[in-house]
Every structure is written in C-alpha cells, then in structure tokens.
C-alpha cells in the first residue's frame, strides 16, 4: 500500500514538472529576454506586458499589438547586423535597427497605420506610434514580406527610449 502511494506521488510530481516545462516553453517571444538578445540583438529585459490587442481575421492572418515595459543598464546597446532570422522567418526580409525619425520606410508601415480597426482606443494607440516614430532618439527594426512595393506581413519592434517601452506589431495578411 505504501509503495503504491509513493508511486502515485512520484507520478503526480512528474506530471507537475512536465506541465511547468511545457508552460515555460510556451511563453510568448514578447516576454523572452533571450529572444531580444539573440535574435534582435538588443540588451533589454522585458518586465511586464502593459498592453495587448489581438485580432484574427483568418487562421494565420491578423493583427496584434503589444506594449512591453522593459529595463536596461545604461545606454541601449544594439549589435551590428541584427535582427537575425529565426526558424520561422527564413523567407522574410530584415530591416536592421535604425534610429527614428522613420522617414525612409514610411510606406512599409502602411500595413499598420491603414489596417482597418474600428476600436477607437486601439486606433488612438496606433496614432501615438506615429508620434514615437517621428520623434528623434527612438529605435525600430522589422521583419517583413513584400509583394512588389507592398508589405503584406510585418513584425515591427519600436523602442520608446524615454518611456522605456517596446511596441511590438505582428501583422500577417
């Protein structure tokens, strides 16, 4: 009887540990400091998600916008040649980290700023991003897919240095 109880406890403990490993492996990239370090090449530590919006129009298509509060030690450090592609972005193009104002690539962001969202709160937040992108001293990079002159999918990362926030857009059409 004691042996069966011990086996049952071991099985429960194993199940609990396996569940924790699975849950930790499913953490979103937006809260993964290793993602920023190894793929984006920037030394920020995500602290908390302060805003999140997601809209799915079809499987694999949609719009998401997340704001992450971050911390870093001293001045932001961007590695040369970053971001780099992960296993999911092999067919995407990359625009490396640049300082704002983002004038040269404005057309690439039409997919964000012209996306049809009726929620006024979300629309206001997106309009605030335009101000962040026009202000000198912030940074941005992105992954994108283009057909002719039109960006059809984008993962855009914008760092608002003053507010210590990272704005993440993921749009696939």
Protein backbone atom coordinates (compact mmCIF):
# COMPACT_ATOMS: atom_id res chain seq x y z
CA UNK A 1 0.00 0.00 0.00
CA UNK A 2 2.81 2.42 0.92
CA UNK A 3 4.63 1.55 -2.29
CA UNK A 4 1.55 2.44 -4.37
CA UNK A 5 1.20 5.79 -2.59
CA UNK A 6 4.85 6.55 -3.25
CA UNK A 7 4.43 5.70 -6.97
CA UNK A 8 1.32 7.88 -7.13
CA UNK A 9 3.21 10.83 -5.56
CA UNK A 10 6.10 10.38 -8.00
CA UNK A 11 3.67 10.32 -10.94
CA UNK A 12 1.95 13.50 -9.70
CA UNK A 13 5.29 15.21 -9.20
CA UNK A 14 6.44 14.16 -12.66
CA UNK A 15 3.16 15.43 -14.19
CA UNK A 16 3.51 18.75 -12.38
CA UNK A 17 7.11 19.19 -13.52
CA UNK A 18 6.23 18.26 -17.11
CA UNK A 19 3.38 20.79 -17.09
CA UNK A 20 5.70 23.52 -15.81
CA UNK A 21 8.27 22.79 -18.52
CA UNK A 22 5.58 22.92 -21.20
CA UNK A 23 4.15 26.19 -19.84
CA UNK A 24 7.60 27.79 -19.64
CA UNK A 25 8.30 26.71 -23.22
CA UNK A 26 5.10 28.39 -24.38
CA UNK A 27 5.98 31.84 -23.11
CA UNK A 28 5.47 34.44 -25.82
CA UNK A 29 8.52 35.90 -27.56
CA UNK A 30 7.49 39.36 -26.41
CA UNK A 31 8.40 38.44 -22.83
CA UNK A 32 11.52 36.40 -23.64
CA UNK A 33 14.76 38.29 -22.88
CA UNK A 34 16.75 35.66 -24.80
CA UNK A 35 14.77 36.47 -27.96
CA UNK A 36 15.77 40.14 -27.71
CA UNK A 37 19.40 39.28 -27.02
CA UNK A 38 19.91 36.51 -29.58
CA UNK A 39 17.56 37.44 -32.43
CA UNK A 40 17.01 41.18 -32.14
CA UNK A 41 20.47 41.95 -30.76
CA UNK A 42 19.41 44.47 -28.13
CA UNK A 43 20.11 44.45 -24.39
CA UNK A 44 16.67 44.92 -22.88
CA UNK A 45 14.98 42.90 -20.19
CA UNK A 46 11.18 42.72 -20.52
CA UNK A 47 9.48 43.46 -17.19
CA UNK A 48 5.77 43.32 -17.88
CA UNK A 49 3.23 43.45 -20.63
CA UNK A 50 1.29 46.68 -20.18
CA UNK A 51 -1.00 46.44 -23.20
CA UNK A 52 -2.09 43.74 -25.63
CA UNK A 53 -4.51 43.65 -28.53
CA UNK A 54 -5.07 40.79 -30.95
CA UNK A 55 -7.46 40.39 -33.84
CA UNK A 56 -7.51 37.30 -36.01
CA UNK A 57 -9.22 37.58 -39.38
CA UNK A 58 -8.43 34.05 -40.57
CA UNK A 59 -6.17 31.25 -39.38
CA UNK A 60 -2.61 32.54 -39.61
CA UNK A 61 -3.76 36.06 -40.53
CA UNK A 62 -4.42 39.01 -38.29
CA UNK A 63 -3.15 41.96 -36.32
CA UNK A 64 -1.56 42.09 -32.89
CA UNK A 65 -0.06 44.94 -30.93
CA UNK A 66 1.73 44.58 -27.61
CA UNK A 67 3.45 47.10 -25.37
CA UNK A 68 6.16 45.81 -23.05
CA UNK A 69 7.75 47.76 -20.20
CA UNK A 70 11.48 46.99 -20.16
CA UNK A 71 14.63 47.81 -18.27
CA UNK A 72 18.25 48.01 -19.31
CA UNK A 73 21.51 49.07 -17.75
CA UNK A 74 22.85 52.34 -19.12
CA UNK A 75 22.60 53.22 -22.80
CA UNK A 76 20.87 50.81 -25.17
CA UNK A 77 23.32 48.59 -26.99
CA UNK A 78 22.41 47.30 -30.47
CA UNK A 79 24.54 44.56 -32.03
CA UNK A 80 25.58 45.16 -35.65
CA UNK A 81 23.83 43.00 -38.24
CA UNK A 82 20.68 42.50 -36.16
CA UNK A 83 17.94 41.42 -36.09
CA UNK A 84 18.63 37.98 -37.49
CA UNK A 85 16.12 35.45 -38.79
CA UNK A 86 14.79 32.67 -36.60
CA UNK A 87 13.49 29.37 -37.95
CA UNK A 88 10.05 30.89 -38.67
CA UNK A 89 11.29 33.89 -40.64
CA UNK A 90 13.59 32.28 -43.20
CA UNK A 91 11.52 33.64 -46.13
CA UNK A 92 11.21 37.12 -44.65
CA UNK A 93 13.39 40.18 -45.28
CA UNK A 94 15.00 42.12 -42.43
CA UNK A 95 15.38 45.83 -41.77
CA UNK A 96 18.11 46.35 -39.18
CA UNK A 97 17.86 48.67 -36.17
CA UNK A 98 17.59 52.33 -37.13
CA UNK A 99 17.13 55.49 -35.14
CA UNK A 100 13.95 57.46 -35.61
CA UNK A 101 12.57 59.54 -37.25
CA UNK A 102 11.49 56.79 -39.63
CA UNK A 103 11.13 58.71 -42.86
CA UNK A 104 12.69 56.39 -45.43
CA UNK A 105 10.43 53.44 -44.74
CA UNK A 106 7.07 55.12 -44.14
CA UNK A 107 5.39 53.18 -46.95
CA UNK A 108 6.41 49.88 -45.30
CA UNK A 109 4.29 50.80 -42.27
CA UNK A 110 1.07 51.39 -44.24
CA UNK A 111 0.04 47.85 -43.29
CA UNK A 112 -0.06 49.03 -39.65
CA UNK A 113 -1.40 52.55 -39.95
CA UNK A 114 -4.02 51.77 -42.60
CA UNK A 115 -5.20 48.48 -41.08
CA UNK A 116 -8.97 48.55 -40.59
CA UNK A 117 -9.58 48.71 -36.83
CA UNK A 118 -12.82 50.22 -35.57
CA UNK A 119 -11.93 50.29 -31.86
CA UNK A 120 -11.17 53.96 -31.11
CA UNK A 121 -8.93 53.14 -28.13
CA UNK A 122 -6.72 50.93 -30.30
CA UNK A 123 -6.76 53.44 -33.17
CA UNK A 124 -5.58 56.17 -30.73
CA UNK A 125 -2.70 53.98 -29.51
CA UNK A 126 -1.66 53.27 -33.10
CA UNK A 127 -1.74 57.00 -33.87
CA UNK A 128 0.55 57.57 -30.86
CA UNK A 129 3.05 55.23 -32.51
CA UNK A 130 3.27 57.65 -35.44
CA UNK A 131 4.48 60.30 -32.97
CA UNK A 132 7.06 57.90 -31.48
CA UNK A 133 8.29 57.04 -34.99
CA UNK A 134 8.66 60.74 -35.90
CA UNK A 135 10.49 61.71 -32.70
CA UNK A 136 14.30 61.64 -32.79
CA UNK A 137 16.09 59.22 -30.47
CA UNK A 138 13.87 56.14 -30.57
CA UNK A 139 14.68 52.94 -32.45
CA UNK A 140 12.96 50.42 -34.69
CA UNK A 141 13.61 47.27 -36.70
CA UNK A 142 11.37 44.86 -38.53
CA UNK A 143 10.93 41.63 -40.41
CA UNK A 144 8.71 41.80 -43.48
CA UNK A 145 7.33 40.07 -46.57
CA UNK A 146 6.78 42.16 -49.67
CA UNK A 147 4.98 41.56 -52.93
CA UNK A 148 6.05 44.23 -55.44
CA UNK A 149 6.04 47.52 -53.49
CA UNK A 150 3.51 46.42 -50.89
CA UNK A 151 4.42 44.96 -47.48
CA UNK A 152 1.97 42.12 -46.88
CA UNK A 153 3.31 40.95 -43.49
CA UNK A 154 5.41 42.70 -40.85
CA UNK A 155 6.82 42.18 -37.38
CA UNK A 156 7.80 45.66 -36.22
CA UNK A 157 9.70 46.43 -32.99
CA UNK A 158 9.78 50.04 -31.80
CA UNK A 159 11.69 51.16 -28.71
CA UNK A 160 10.46 54.32 -27.00
CA UNK A 161 13.62 55.18 -25.06
CA UNK A 162 12.06 57.86 -22.85
CA UNK A 163 9.09 55.72 -21.73
CA UNK A 164 11.19 52.51 -21.64
CA UNK A 165 8.58 50.69 -23.65
CA UNK A 166 8.84 48.29 -26.55
CA UNK A 167 5.98 48.31 -29.04
CA UNK A 168 5.54 45.09 -31.00
CA UNK A 169 3.33 44.79 -34.08
CA UNK A 170 2.68 41.47 -35.83
CA UNK A 171 0.55 41.71 -38.93
CA UNK A 172 0.02 38.95 -41.49
CA UNK A 173 -2.41 39.23 -44.38
